[in-house]
Amino acid sequence: MLIPISHFANPDGIPGEKTRTWYSVKKQPIIAWAGFCRNVPDYGPVYAGMTMEANAAVAPTNDRMPALLDPHDHDRWLHGSIREVIDFQFRAPFAANRMIVEETEDLWRSGKGPVSARPQLAFL
């Protein structure tokens, strides 16, 4: 499955005072995150997103990041062989220069979204 996102965030700073740092992709207001869904009898549908090694833009806050997909990857992710799907996790992440890094003073647990997401929220 494809998980549509506009941004993802990581906590940044010292414990107890962590703030949110947001990440998005230049010229892609909506990004696809490689995801899985399994229907578990006791719980119903259970969802997960694949992660991969972080690029240089994300690495200061986390050594992992979502496995993001370019539009030309969507069909291969959804219909590829298991080997092709696994390969997405081990390929190079999006280049750091494709990322927008938005540091905030918002506390990690504040629940606040990134300022740059407001245009996307207008579509909801």
PDB file of N, CA and C in Angstrom:
ATOM      1  N   MET A   1       0.835  -1.179   0.000  1.00  0.00           N
ATOM      2  CA  MET A   1       0.000   0.000   0.000  1.00  0.00           C
ATOM      3  C   MET A   1       0.881   1.243   0.000  1.00  0.00           C
ATOM      4  N   LEU A   2       0.330   2.331  -0.397  1.00  0.00           N
ATOM      5  CA  LEU A   2       1.006   3.622  -0.355  1.00  0.00           C
ATOM      6  C   LEU A   2       0.405   4.435   0.780  1.00  0.00           C
ATOM      7  N   ILE A   3       1.256   4.980   1.633  1.00  0.00           N
ATOM      8  CA  ILE A   3       0.806   5.832   2.717  1.00  0.00           C
ATOM      9  C   ILE A   3       1.046   7.275   2.280  1.00  0.00           C
ATOM     10  N   PRO A   4       0.009   8.043   1.991  1.00  0.00           N
ATOM     11  CA  PRO A   4       0.221   9.428   1.567  1.00  0.00           C
ATOM     12  C   PRO A   4       0.564  10.319   2.756  1.00  0.00           C
ATOM     13  N   ILE A   5       1.650  11.050   2.643  1.00  0.00           N
ATOM     14  CA  ILE A   5       2.050  11.999   3.681  1.00  0.00           C
ATOM     15  C   ILE A   5       2.512  13.283   3.011  1.00  0.00           C
ATOM     16  N   SER A   6       2.485  14.366   3.756  1.00  0.00           N
ATOM     17  CA  SER A   6       3.068  15.614   3.258  1.00  0.00           C
ATOM     18  C   SER A   6       4.397  15.889   3.964  1.00  0.00           C
ATOM     19  N   HIS A   7       4.531  15.411   5.205  1.00  0.00           N
ATOM     20  CA  HIS A   7       5.710  15.632   6.039  1.00  0.00           C
ATOM     21  C   HIS A   7       5.880  14.439   6.979  1.00  0.00           C
ATOM     22  N   PHE A   8       7.061  14.303   7.535  1.00  0.00           N
ATOM     23  CA  PHE A   8       7.263  13.430   8.689  1.00  0.00           C
ATOM     24  C   PHE A   8       8.161  14.186   9.653  1.00  0.00           C
ATOM     25  N   ALA A   9       8.111  13.812  10.918  1.00  0.00           N
ATOM     26  CA  ALA A   9       8.844  14.552  11.947  1.00  0.00           C
ATOM     27  C   ALA A   9       9.690  13.616  12.793  1.00  0.00           C
ATOM     28  N   ASN A  10      10.728  14.195  13.382  1.00  0.00           N
ATOM     29  CA  ASN A  10      11.565  13.513  14.361  1.00  0.00           C
ATOM     30  C   ASN A  10      11.764  14.434  15.552  1.00  0.00           C
ATOM     31  N   PRO A  11      11.921  13.848  16.743  1.00  0.00           N
ATOM     32  CA  PRO A  11      12.261  14.671  17.903  1.00  0.00           C
ATOM     33  C   PRO A  11      13.716  15.113  17.810  1.00  0.00           C
ATOM     34  N   ASP A  12      13.974  16.314  18.298  1.00  0.00           N
ATOM     35  CA  ASP A  12      15.314  16.885  18.219  1.00  0.00           C
ATOM     36  C   ASP A  12      15.632  17.587  19.536  1.00  0.00           C
ATOM     37  N   GLY A  13      16.821  17.400  20.041  1.00  0.00           N
ATOM     38  CA  GLY A  13      17.222  18.096  21.259  1.00  0.00           C
ATOM     39  C   GLY A  13      17.465  17.153  22.419  1.00  0.00           C
ATOM     40  N   ILE A  14      17.488  17.735  23.603  1.00  0.00           N
ATOM     41  CA  ILE A  14      17.797  16.967  24.804  1.00  0.00           C
ATOM     42  C   ILE A  14      16.523  16.390  25.414  1.00  0.00           C
ATOM     43  N   PRO A  15      16.619  15.221  26.051  1.00  0.00           N
ATOM     44  CA  PRO A  15      15.433  14.606  26.669  1.00  0.00           C
ATOM     45  C   PRO A  15      14.714  15.569  27.613  1.00  0.00           C
ATOM     46  N   GLY A  16      13.393  15.546  27.523  1.00  0.00           N
ATOM     47  CA  GLY A  16      12.564  16.414  28.348  1.00  0.00           C
ATOM     48  C   GLY A  16      12.293  17.765  27.714  1.00  0.00           C
ATOM     49  N   GLU A  17      13.086  18.138  26.703  1.00  0.00           N
ATOM     50  CA  GLU A  17      12.917  19.421  26.024  1.00  0.00           C
ATOM     51  C   GLU A  17      12.923  19.264  24.507  1.00  0.00           C
ATOM     52  N   LYS A  18      12.688  18.067  24.027  1.00  0.00           N
ATOM     53  CA  LYS A  18      12.764  17.808  22.587  1.00  0.00           C
ATOM     54  C   LYS A  18      11.722  18.614  21.819  1.00  0.00           C
ATOM     55  N   THR A  19      12.153  19.105  20.684  1.00  0.00           N
ATOM     56  CA  THR A  19      11.270  19.832  19.778  1.00  0.00           C
ATOM     57  C   THR A  19      11.058  18.993  18.519  1.00  0.00           C
ATOM     58  N   ARG A  20      10.149  19.457  17.675  1.00  0.00           N
ATOM     59  CA  ARG A  20       9.847  18.761  16.419  1.00  0.00           C
ATOM     60  C   ARG A  20      10.664  19.361  15.276  1.00  0.00           C
ATOM     61  N   THR A  21      11.288  18.484  14.520  1.00  0.00           N
ATOM     62  CA  THR A  21      11.897  18.865  13.255  1.00  0.00           C
ATOM     63  C   THR A  21      11.140  18.112  12.167  1.00  0.00           C
ATOM     64  N   TRP A  22      10.614  18.878  11.211  1.00  0.00           N
ATOM     65  CA  TRP A  22       9.781  18.323  10.138  1.00  0.00           C
ATOM     66  C   TRP A  22      10.592  18.175   8.863  1.00  0.00           C
ATOM     67  N   TYR A  23      10.230  17.175   8.077  1.00  0.00           N
ATOM     68  CA  TYR A  23      10.885  16.907   6.793  1.00  0.00           C
ATOM     69  C   TYR A  23       9.822  16.742   5.725  1.00  0.00           C
ATOM     70  N   SER A  24      10.093  17.297   4.563  1.00  0.00           N
ATOM     71  CA  SER A  24       9.239  17.112   3.398  1.00  0.00           C
ATOM     72  C   SER A  24      10.144  17.071   2.176  1.00  0.00           C
ATOM     73  N   VAL A  25       9.538  16.853   1.022  1.00  0.00           N
ATOM     74  CA  VAL A  25      10.310  16.727  -0.214  1.00  0.00           C
ATOM     75  C   VAL A  25       9.986  17.904  -1.123  1.00  0.00           C
ATOM     76  N   LYS A  26      11.028  18.552  -1.612  1.00  0.00           N
ATOM     77  CA  LYS A  26      10.852  19.700  -2.508  1.00  0.00           C
ATOM     78  C   LYS A  26      10.008  19.307  -3.719  1.00  0.00           C
ATOM     79  N   LYS A  27       9.096  20.182  -4.086  1.00  0.00           N
ATOM     80  CA  LYS A  27       8.250  20.044  -5.275  1.00  0.00           C
ATOM     81  C   LYS A  27       7.363  18.803  -5.251  1.00  0.00           C
ATOM     82  N   GLN A  28       7.126  18.232  -4.057  1.00  0.00           N
ATOM     83  CA  GLN A  28       6.195  17.111  -3.911  1.00  0.00           C
ATOM     84  C   GLN A  28       5.327  17.385  -2.689  1.00  0.00           C
ATOM     85  N   PRO A  29       4.196  18.055  -2.866  1.00  0.00           N
ATOM     86  CA  PRO A  29       3.344  18.361  -1.713  1.00  0.00           C
ATOM     87  C   PRO A  29       2.773  17.107  -1.044  1.00  0.00           C
ATOM     88  N   ILE A  30       2.660  16.018  -1.798  1.00  0.00           N
ATOM     89  CA  ILE A  30       2.233  14.730  -1.242  1.00  0.00           C
ATOM     90  C   ILE A  30       3.298  13.707  -1.634  1.00  0.00           C
ATOM     91  N   ILE A  31       3.712  12.928  -0.631  1.00  0.00           N
ATOM     92  CA  ILE A  31       4.755  11.924  -0.819  1.00  0.00           C
ATOM     93  C   ILE A  31       4.142  10.561  -0.492  1.00  0.00           C
ATOM     94  N   ALA A  32       4.593   9.531  -1.184  1.00  0.00           N
ATOM     95  CA  ALA A  32       4.160   8.172  -0.860  1.00  0.00           C
ATOM     96  C   ALA A  32       5.213   7.497   0.007  1.00  0.00           C
ATOM     97  N   TRP A  33       4.770   6.971   1.142  1.00  0.00           N
ATOM     98  CA  TRP A  33       5.612   6.192   2.035  1.00  0.00           C
ATOM     99  C   TRP A  33       5.259   4.721   1.790  1.00  0.00           C
ATOM    100  N   ALA A  34       6.256   3.886   1.572  1.00  0.00           N
ATOM    101  CA  ALA A  34       6.046   2.464   1.315  1.00  0.00           C
ATOM    102  C   ALA A  34       5.430   1.821   2.554  1.00  0.00           C
ATOM    103  N   GLY A  35       4.245   1.257   2.400  1.00  0.00           N
ATOM    104  CA  GLY A  35       3.539   0.698   3.548  1.00  0.00           C
ATOM    105  C   GLY A  35       3.040  -0.710   3.329  1.00  0.00           C
ATOM    106  N   PHE A  36       2.657  -1.322   4.429  1.00  0.00           N
ATOM    107  CA  PHE A  36       2.120  -2.676   4.438  1.00  0.00           C
ATOM    108  C   PHE A  36       0.802  -2.678   5.202  1.00  0.00           C
ATOM    109  N   CYS A  37      -0.054  -3.611   4.843  1.00  0.00           N
ATOM    110  CA  CYS A  37      -1.291  -3.825   5.588  1.00  0.00           C
ATOM    111  C   CYS A  37      -1.513  -5.329   5.676  1.00  0.00           C
ATOM    112  N   ARG A  38      -1.878  -5.770   6.852  1.00  0.00           N
ATOM    113  CA  ARG A  38      -2.203  -7.189   7.056  1.00  0.00           C
ATOM    114  C   ARG A  38      -3.468  -7.251   7.875  1.00  0.00           C
ATOM    115  N   ASN A  39      -4.386  -8.092   7.459  1.00  0.00           N
ATOM    116  CA  ASN A  39      -5.625  -8.268   8.196  1.00  0.00           C
ATOM    117  C   ASN A  39      -5.409  -9.374   9.227  1.00  0.00           C
ATOM    118  N   VAL A  40      -5.392  -8.990  10.492  1.00  0.00           N
ATOM    119  CA  VAL A  40      -5.149  -9.918  11.597  1.00  0.00           C
ATOM    120  C   VAL A  40      -6.499 -10.254  12.223  1.00  0.00           C
ATOM    121  N   PRO A  41      -6.843 -11.544  12.330  1.00  0.00           N
ATOM    122  CA  PRO A  41      -8.171 -11.920  12.825  1.00  0.00           C
ATOM    123  C   PRO A  41      -8.567 -11.267  14.154  1.00  0.00           C
ATOM    124  N   ASP A  42      -7.653 -11.162  15.099  1.00  0.00           N
ATOM    125  CA  ASP A  42      -8.000 -10.600  16.411  1.00  0.00           C
ATOM    126  C   ASP A  42      -8.070  -9.084  16.428  1.00  0.00           C
ATOM    127  N   TYR A  43      -7.456  -8.405  15.446  1.00  0.00           N
ATOM    128  CA  TYR A  43      -7.370  -6.944  15.477  1.00  0.00           C
ATOM    129  C   TYR A  43      -7.932  -6.260  14.246  1.00  0.00           C
ATOM    130  N   GLY A  44      -8.081  -6.973  13.162  1.00  0.00           N
ATOM    131  CA  GLY A  44      -8.489  -6.358  11.909  1.00  0.00           C
ATOM    132  C   GLY A  44      -7.268  -5.857  11.149  1.00  0.00           C
ATOM    133  N   PRO A  45      -7.435  -4.868  10.282  1.00  0.00           N
ATOM    134  CA  PRO A  45      -6.296  -4.377   9.496  1.00  0.00           C
ATOM    135  C   PRO A  45      -5.236  -3.726  10.387  1.00  0.00           C
ATOM    136  N   VAL A  46      -3.994  -4.119  10.184  1.00  0.00           N
ATOM    137  CA  VAL A  46      -2.852  -3.571  10.908  1.00  0.00           C
ATOM    138  C   VAL A  46      -1.904  -2.991   9.867  1.00  0.00           C
ATOM    139  N   TYR A  47      -1.454  -1.766  10.095  1.00  0.00           N
ATOM    140  CA  TYR A  47      -0.649  -1.049   9.116  1.00  0.00           C
ATOM    141  C   TYR A  47       0.753  -0.773   9.646  1.00  0.00           C
ATOM    142  N   ALA A  48       1.724  -0.711   8.731  1.00  0.00           N
ATOM    143  CA  ALA A  48       3.100  -0.359   9.085  1.00  0.00           C
ATOM    144  C   ALA A  48       3.750   0.319   7.889  1.00  0.00           C
ATOM    145  N   GLY A  49       4.692   1.199   8.165  1.00  0.00           N
ATOM    146  CA  GLY A  49       5.463   1.846   7.116  1.00  0.00           C
ATOM    147  C   GLY A  49       6.891   1.336   7.140  1.00  0.00           C
ATOM    148  N   MET A  50       7.462   1.111   5.961  1.00  0.00           N
ATOM    149  CA  MET A  50       8.837   0.640   5.852  1.00  0.00           C
ATOM    150  C   MET A  50       9.797   1.793   6.116  1.00  0.00           C
ATOM    151  N   THR A  51      10.876   1.513   6.829  1.00  0.00           N
ATOM    152  CA  THR A  51      11.923   2.509   7.037  1.00  0.00           C
ATOM    153  C   THR A  51      13.205   2.059   6.361  1.00  0.00           C
ATOM    154  N   MET A  52      14.120   2.998   6.255  1.00  0.00           N
ATOM    155  CA  MET A  52      15.410   2.735   5.636  1.00  0.00           C
ATOM    156  C   MET A  52      16.459   3.629   6.282  1.00  0.00           C
ATOM    157  N   GLU A  53      17.691   3.444   5.914  1.00  0.00           N
ATOM    158  CA  GLU A  53      18.758   4.297   6.427  1.00  0.00           C
ATOM    159  C   GLU A  53      18.455   5.753   6.084  1.00  0.00           C
ATOM    160  N   ALA A  54      18.701   6.648   7.028  1.00  0.00           N
ATOM    161  CA  ALA A  54      18.410   8.073   6.825  1.00  0.00           C
ATOM    162  C   ALA A  54      19.425   8.715   5.892  1.00  0.00           C
ATOM    163  N   ASN A  55      18.975   9.726   5.162  1.00  0.00           N
ATOM    164  CA  ASN A  55      19.900  10.528   4.356  1.00  0.00           C
ATOM    165  C   ASN A  55      20.566  11.570   5.265  1.00  0.00           C
ATOM    166  N   ALA A  56      21.472  12.352   4.708  1.00  0.00           N
ATOM    167  CA  ALA A  56      22.234  13.320   5.502  1.00  0.00           C
ATOM    168  C   ALA A  56      21.361  14.421   6.097  1.00  0.00           C
ATOM    169  N   ALA A  57      20.214  14.708   5.490  1.00  0.00           N
ATOM    170  CA  ALA A  57      19.322  15.743   6.041  1.00  0.00           C
ATOM    171  C   ALA A  57      18.605  15.255   7.295  1.00  0.00           C
ATOM    172  N   VAL A  58      18.249  13.989   7.342  1.00  0.00           N
ATOM    173  CA  VAL A  58      17.487  13.417   8.448  1.00  0.00           C
ATOM    174  C   VAL A  58      18.407  12.861   9.545  1.00  0.00           C
ATOM    175  N   ALA A  59      19.594  12.428   9.178  1.00  0.00           N
ATOM    176  CA  ALA A  59      20.507  11.745  10.106  1.00  0.00           C
ATOM    177  C   ALA A  59      20.793  12.489  11.411  1.00  0.00           C
ATOM    178  N   PRO A  60      20.814  13.836  11.450  1.00  0.00           N
ATOM    179  CA  PRO A  60      21.057  14.480  12.741  1.00  0.00           C
ATOM    180  C   PRO A  60      19.982  14.190  13.805  1.00  0.00           C
ATOM    181  N   THR A  61      18.786  13.772  13.392  1.00  0.00           N
ATOM    182  CA  THR A  61      17.726  13.492  14.364  1.00  0.00           C
ATOM    183  C   THR A  61      17.364  12.013  14.461  1.00  0.00           C
ATOM    184  N   ASN A  62      17.756  11.203  13.474  1.00  0.00           N
ATOM    185  CA  ASN A  62      17.407   9.785  13.487  1.00  0.00           C
ATOM    186  C   ASN A  62      18.245   9.065  12.441  1.00  0.00           C
ATOM    187  N   ASP A  63      18.655   7.840  12.734  1.00  0.00           N
ATOM    188  CA  ASP A  63      19.426   7.087  11.746  1.00  0.00           C
ATOM    189  C   ASP A  63      18.528   6.349  10.753  1.00  0.00           C
ATOM    190  N   ARG A  64      17.197   6.441  10.933  1.00  0.00           N
ATOM    191  CA  ARG A  64      16.226   5.830  10.029  1.00  0.00           C
ATOM    192  C   ARG A  64      15.259   6.905   9.529  1.00  0.00           C
ATOM    193  N   MET A  65      14.657   6.633   8.393  1.00  0.00           N
ATOM    194  CA  MET A  65      13.628   7.513   7.839  1.00  0.00           C
ATOM    195  C   MET A  65      12.631   6.666   7.069  1.00  0.00           C
ATOM    196  N   PRO A  66      11.439   7.214   6.765  1.00  0.00           N
ATOM    197  CA  PRO A  66      10.488   6.457   5.953  1.00  0.00           C
ATOM    198  C   PRO A  66      11.084   6.116   4.589  1.00  0.00           C
ATOM    199  N   ALA A  67      10.733   4.951   4.077  1.00  0.00           N
ATOM    200  CA  ALA A  67      11.103   4.581   2.710  1.00  0.00           C
ATOM    201  C   ALA A  67      10.143   5.326   1.784  1.00  0.00           C
ATOM    202  N   LEU A  68      10.593   6.447   1.249  1.00  0.00           N
ATOM    203  CA  LEU A  68       9.771   7.295   0.399  1.00  0.00           C
ATOM    204  C   LEU A  68       9.860   6.827  -1.044  1.00  0.00           C
ATOM    205  N   LEU A  69       8.760   6.963  -1.766  1.00  0.00           N
ATOM    206  CA  LEU A  69       8.689   6.496  -3.145  1.00  0.00           C
ATOM    207  C   LEU A  69       8.421   7.645  -4.095  1.00  0.00           C
ATOM    208  N   ASP A  70       9.148   7.671  -5.183  1.00  0.00           N
ATOM    209  CA  ASP A  70       8.834   8.593  -6.267  1.00  0.00           C
ATOM    210  C   ASP A  70       7.623   8.049  -7.023  1.00  0.00           C
ATOM    211  N   PRO A  71       6.880   8.920  -7.714  1.00  0.00           N
ATOM    212  CA  PRO A  71       5.706   8.424  -8.443  1.00  0.00           C
ATOM    213  C   PRO A  71       6.021   7.269  -9.402  1.00  0.00           C
ATOM    214  N   HIS A  72       7.185   7.272 -10.032  1.00  0.00           N
ATOM    215  CA  HIS A  72       7.510   6.184 -10.963  1.00  0.00           C
ATOM    216  C   HIS A  72       7.786   4.858 -10.244  1.00  0.00           C
ATOM    217  N   ASP A  73       7.899   4.870  -8.918  1.00  0.00           N
ATOM    218  CA  ASP A  73       8.101   3.647  -8.129  1.00  0.00           C
ATOM    219  C   ASP A  73       6.795   3.018  -7.638  1.00  0.00           C
ATOM    220  N   HIS A  74       5.704   3.745  -7.698  1.00  0.00           N
ATOM    221  CA  HIS A  74       4.452   3.282  -7.091  1.00  0.00           C
ATOM    222  C   HIS A  74       4.017   1.919  -7.622  1.00  0.00           C
ATOM    223  N   ASP A  75       4.010   1.739  -8.922  1.00  0.00           N
ATOM    224  CA  ASP A  75       3.518   0.487  -9.498  1.00  0.00           C
ATOM    225  C   ASP A  75       4.410  -0.683  -9.086  1.00  0.00           C
ATOM    226  N   ARG A  76       5.721  -0.491  -9.097  1.00  0.00           N
ATOM    227  CA  ARG A  76       6.648  -1.561  -8.699  1.00  0.00           C
ATOM    228  C   ARG A  76       6.452  -1.914  -7.220  1.00  0.00           C
ATOM    229  N   TRP A  77       6.224  -0.903  -6.373  1.00  0.00           N
ATOM    230  CA  TRP A  77       5.969  -1.179  -4.956  1.00  0.00           C
ATOM    231  C   TRP A  77       4.677  -1.982  -4.783  1.00  0.00           C
ATOM    232  N   LEU A  78       3.640  -1.591  -5.490  1.00  0.00           N
ATOM    233  CA  LEU A  78       2.337  -2.229  -5.320  1.00  0.00           C
ATOM    234  C   LEU A  78       2.236  -3.601  -5.983  1.00  0.00           C
ATOM    235  N   HIS A  79       2.988  -3.825  -7.073  1.00  0.00           N
ATOM    236  CA  HIS A  79       2.808  -5.052  -7.855  1.00  0.00           C
ATOM    237  C   HIS A  79       4.104  -5.822  -8.100  1.00  0.00           C
ATOM    238  N   GLY A  80       5.203  -5.380  -7.535  1.00  0.00           N
ATOM    239  CA  GLY A  80       6.481  -6.046  -7.767  1.00  0.00           C
ATOM    240  C   GLY A  80       6.618  -7.343  -7.000  1.00  0.00           C
ATOM    241  N   SER A  81       7.684  -8.048  -7.319  1.00  0.00           N
ATOM    242  CA  SER A  81       7.988  -9.294  -6.616  1.00  0.00           C
ATOM    243  C   SER A  81       8.431  -8.972  -5.189  1.00  0.00           C
ATOM    244  N   ILE A  82       8.478  -9.974  -4.339  1.00  0.00           N
ATOM    245  CA  ILE A  82       8.929  -9.760  -2.965  1.00  0.00           C
ATOM    246  C   ILE A  82      10.372  -9.253  -2.954  1.00  0.00           C
ATOM    247  N   ARG A  83      11.198  -9.728  -3.867  1.00  0.00           N
ATOM    248  CA  ARG A  83      12.592  -9.266  -3.957  1.00  0.00           C
ATOM    249  C   ARG A  83      12.618  -7.770  -4.286  1.00  0.00           C
ATOM    250  N   GLU A  84      11.783  -7.317  -5.213  1.00  0.00           N
ATOM    251  CA  GLU A  84      11.731  -5.895  -5.571  1.00  0.00           C
ATOM    252  C   GLU A  84      11.272  -5.053  -4.378  1.00  0.00           C
ATOM    253  N   VAL A  85      10.299  -5.558  -3.651  1.00  0.00           N
ATOM    254  CA  VAL A  85       9.783  -4.832  -2.493  1.00  0.00           C
ATOM    255  C   VAL A  85      10.873  -4.714  -1.418  1.00  0.00           C
ATOM    256  N   ILE A  86      11.557  -5.798  -1.131  1.00  0.00           N
ATOM    257  CA  ILE A  86      12.629  -5.778  -0.134  1.00  0.00           C
ATOM    258  C   ILE A  86      13.749  -4.831  -0.567  1.00  0.00           C
ATOM    259  N   ASP A  87      14.041  -4.790  -1.859  1.00  0.00           N
ATOM    260  CA  ASP A  87      15.110  -3.917  -2.368  1.00  0.00           C
ATOM    261  C   ASP A  87      14.866  -2.442  -2.058  1.00  0.00           C
ATOM    262  N   PHE A  88      13.608  -2.041  -1.946  1.00  0.00           N
ATOM    263  CA  PHE A  88      13.327  -0.637  -1.621  1.00  0.00           C
ATOM    264  C   PHE A  88      13.939  -0.246  -0.282  1.00  0.00           C
ATOM    265  N   GLN A  89      13.978  -1.150   0.667  1.00  0.00           N
ATOM    266  CA  GLN A  89      14.512  -0.848   1.986  1.00  0.00           C
ATOM    267  C   GLN A  89      16.024  -0.638   1.960  1.00  0.00           C
ATOM    268  N   PHE A  90      16.703  -1.241   1.005  1.00  0.00           N
ATOM    269  CA  PHE A  90      18.157  -1.206   0.988  1.00  0.00           C
ATOM    270  C   PHE A  90      18.740  -0.316  -0.105  1.00  0.00           C
ATOM    271  N   ARG A  91      17.900   0.359  -0.841  1.00  0.00           N
ATOM    272  CA  ARG A  91      18.403   1.294  -1.847  1.00  0.00           C
ATOM    273  C   ARG A  91      18.801   2.602  -1.161  1.00  0.00           C
ATOM    274  N   ALA A  92      19.432   3.473  -1.909  1.00  0.00           N
ATOM    275  CA  ALA A  92      19.812   4.775  -1.350  1.00  0.00           C
ATOM    276  C   ALA A  92      18.548   5.587  -1.057  1.00  0.00           C
ATOM    277  N   PRO A  93      18.532   6.302   0.063  1.00  0.00           N
ATOM    278  CA  PRO A  93      17.379   7.158   0.360  1.00  0.00           C
ATOM    279  C   PRO A  93      17.332   8.356  -0.594  1.00  0.00           C
ATOM    280  N   PHE A  94      16.219   9.070  -0.563  1.00  0.00           N
ATOM    281  CA  PHE A  94      16.146  10.313  -1.327  1.00  0.00           C
ATOM    282  C   PHE A  94      17.374  11.152  -0.985  1.00  0.00           C
ATOM    283  N   ALA A  95      17.920  11.843  -1.954  1.00  0.00           N
ATOM    284  CA  ALA A  95      19.084  12.699  -1.719  1.00  0.00           C
ATOM    285  C   ALA A  95      18.731  13.799  -0.718  1.00  0.00           C
ATOM    286  N   ALA A  96      19.674  14.127   0.121  1.00  0.00           N
ATOM    287  CA  ALA A  96      19.452  15.161   1.140  1.00  0.00           C
ATOM    288  C   ALA A  96      19.055  16.491   0.511  1.00  0.00           C
ATOM    289  N   ASN A  97      19.579  16.800  -0.671  1.00  0.00           N
ATOM    290  CA  ASN A  97      19.256  18.084  -1.297  1.00  0.00           C
ATOM    291  C   ASN A  97      17.829  18.136  -1.845  1.00  0.00           C
ATOM    292  N   ARG A  98      17.107  17.021  -1.821  1.00  0.00           N
ATOM    293  CA  ARG A  98      15.689  17.016  -2.203  1.00  0.00           C
ATOM    294  C   ARG A  98      14.785  17.343  -1.020  1.00  0.00           C
ATOM    295  N   MET A  99      15.350  17.336   0.179  1.00  0.00           N
ATOM    296  CA  MET A  99      14.554  17.476   1.395  1.00  0.00           C
ATOM    297  C   MET A  99      14.452  18.930   1.840  1.00  0.00           C
ATOM    298  N   ILE A 100      13.318  19.236   2.462  1.00  0.00           N
ATOM    299  CA  ILE A 100      13.127  20.504   3.166  1.00  0.00           C
ATOM    300  C   ILE A 100      13.140  20.154   4.656  1.00  0.00           C
ATOM    301  N   VAL A 101      13.995  20.818   5.399  1.00  0.00           N
ATOM    302  CA  VAL A 101      14.098  20.594   6.843  1.00  0.00           C
ATOM    303  C   VAL A 101      13.505  21.810   7.542  1.00  0.00           C
ATOM    304  N   GLU A 102      12.525  21.574   8.384  1.00  0.00           N
ATOM    305  CA  GLU A 102      11.810  22.657   9.064  1.00  0.00           C
ATOM    306  C   GLU A 102      11.939  22.459  10.581  1.00  0.00           C
ATOM    307  N   GLU A 103      12.939  23.104  11.165  1.00  0.00           N
ATOM    308  CA  GLU A 103      13.117  23.033  12.613  1.00  0.00           C
ATOM    309  C   GLU A 103      12.100  23.948  13.274  1.00  0.00           C
ATOM    310  N   THR A 104      11.546  23.493  14.390  1.00  0.00           N
ATOM    311  CA  THR A 104      10.562  24.307  15.106  1.00  0.00           C
ATOM    312  C   THR A 104      10.954  24.391  16.579  1.00  0.00           C
ATOM    313  N   GLU A 105      10.283  25.266  17.275  1.00  0.00           N
ATOM    314  CA  GLU A 105      10.417  25.364  18.733  1.00  0.00           C
ATOM    315  C   GLU A 105       9.270  24.624  19.417  1.00  0.00           C
ATOM    316  N   ASP A 106       8.393  23.988  18.624  1.00  0.00           N
ATOM    317  CA  ASP A 106       7.262  23.247  19.167  1.00  0.00           C
ATOM    318  C   ASP A 106       7.774  22.023  19.909  1.00  0.00           C
ATOM    319  N   LEU A 107       7.313  21.837  21.130  1.00  0.00           N
ATOM    320  CA  LEU A 107       7.702  20.647  21.878  1.00  0.00           C
ATOM    321  C   LEU A 107       7.220  19.401  21.141  1.00  0.00           C
ATOM    322  N   TRP A 108       8.001  18.341  21.237  1.00  0.00           N
ATOM    323  CA  TRP A 108       7.700  17.095  20.521  1.00  0.00           C
ATOM    324  C   TRP A 108       6.274  16.633  20.789  1.00  0.00           C
ATOM    325  N   ARG A 109       5.797  16.713  21.993  1.00  0.00           N
ATOM    326  CA  ARG A 109       4.464  16.229  22.346  1.00  0.00           C
ATOM    327  C   ARG A 109       3.374  17.296  22.186  1.00  0.00           C
ATOM    328  N   SER A 110       3.669  18.392  21.507  1.00  0.00           N
ATOM    329  CA  SER A 110       2.709  19.485  21.382  1.00  0.00           C
ATOM    330  C   SER A 110       1.530  19.151  20.480  1.00  0.00           C
ATOM    331  N   GLY A 111       1.722  18.234  19.546  1.00  0.00           N
ATOM    332  CA  GLY A 111       0.657  17.912  18.603  1.00  0.00           C
ATOM    333  C   GLY A 111       0.538  18.894  17.451  1.00  0.00           C
ATOM    334  N   LYS A 112       1.421  19.897  17.406  1.00  0.00           N
ATOM    335  CA  LYS A 112       1.367  20.898  16.339  1.00  0.00           C
ATOM    336  C   LYS A 112       1.987  20.361  15.055  1.00  0.00           C
ATOM    337  N   GLY A 113       1.360  20.700  13.934  1.00  0.00           N
ATOM    338  CA  GLY A 113       1.890  20.333  12.632  1.00  0.00           C
ATOM    339  C   GLY A 113       2.827  21.396  12.109  1.00  0.00           C
ATOM    340  N   PRO A 114       3.500  21.106  11.012  1.00  0.00           N
ATOM    341  CA  PRO A 114       4.414  22.092  10.438  1.00  0.00           C
ATOM    342  C   PRO A 114       3.662  23.238   9.779  1.00  0.00           C
ATOM    343  N   VAL A 115       4.201  24.419   9.879  1.00  0.00           N
ATOM    344  CA  VAL A 115       3.598  25.595   9.244  1.00  0.00           C
ATOM    345  C   VAL A 115       3.465  25.371   7.742  1.00  0.00           C
ATOM    346  N   SER A 116       4.461  24.740   7.149  1.00  0.00           N
ATOM    347  CA  SER A 116       4.450  24.550   5.696  1.00  0.00           C
ATOM    348  C   SER A 116       3.359  23.584   5.233  1.00  0.00           C
ATOM    349  N   ALA A 117       2.698  22.860   6.132  1.00  0.00           N
ATOM    350  CA  ALA A 117       1.629  21.931   5.741  1.00  0.00           C
ATOM    351  C   ALA A 117       0.273  22.607   5.621  1.00  0.00           C
ATOM    352  N   ARG A 118       0.169  23.840   6.043  1.00  0.00           N
ATOM    353  CA  ARG A 118      -1.144  24.496   6.016  1.00  0.00           C
ATOM    354  C   ARG A 118      -1.794  24.507   4.637  1.00  0.00           C
ATOM    355  N   PRO A 119      -1.041  24.713   3.548  1.00  0.00           N
ATOM    356  CA  PRO A 119      -1.712  24.661   2.233  1.00  0.00           C
ATOM    357  C   PRO A 119      -2.318  23.278   1.939  1.00  0.00           C
ATOM    358  N   GLN A 120      -1.643  22.198   2.329  1.00  0.00           N
ATOM    359  CA  GLN A 120      -2.171  20.859   2.101  1.00  0.00           C
ATOM    360  C   GLN A 120      -3.427  20.608   2.945  1.00  0.00           C
ATOM    361  N   LEU A 121      -3.476  21.164   4.143  1.00  0.00           N
ATOM    362  CA  LEU A 121      -4.630  20.968   5.010  1.00  0.00           C
ATOM    363  C   LEU A 121      -5.893  21.563   4.410  1.00  0.00           C
ATOM    364  N   ALA A 122      -5.744  22.544   3.542  1.00  0.00           N
ATOM    365  CA  ALA A 122      -6.888  23.168   2.905  1.00  0.00           C
ATOM    366  C   ALA A 122      -7.652  22.169   2.002  1.00  0.00           C
ATOM    367  N   PHE A 123      -6.980  21.086   1.592  1.00  0.00           N
ATOM    368  CA  PHE A 123      -7.624  20.079   0.747  1.00  0.00           C
ATOM    369  C   PHE A 123      -8.483  19.112   1.542  1.00  0.00           C
ATOM    370  N   LEU A 124      -8.357  19.103   2.859  1.00  0.00           N
ATOM    371  CA  LEU A 124      -9.091  18.133   3.692  1.00  0.00           C
ATOM    372  C   LEU A 124     -10.514  18.580   3.964  1.00  0.00           C
TER     373      LEU A 124
END
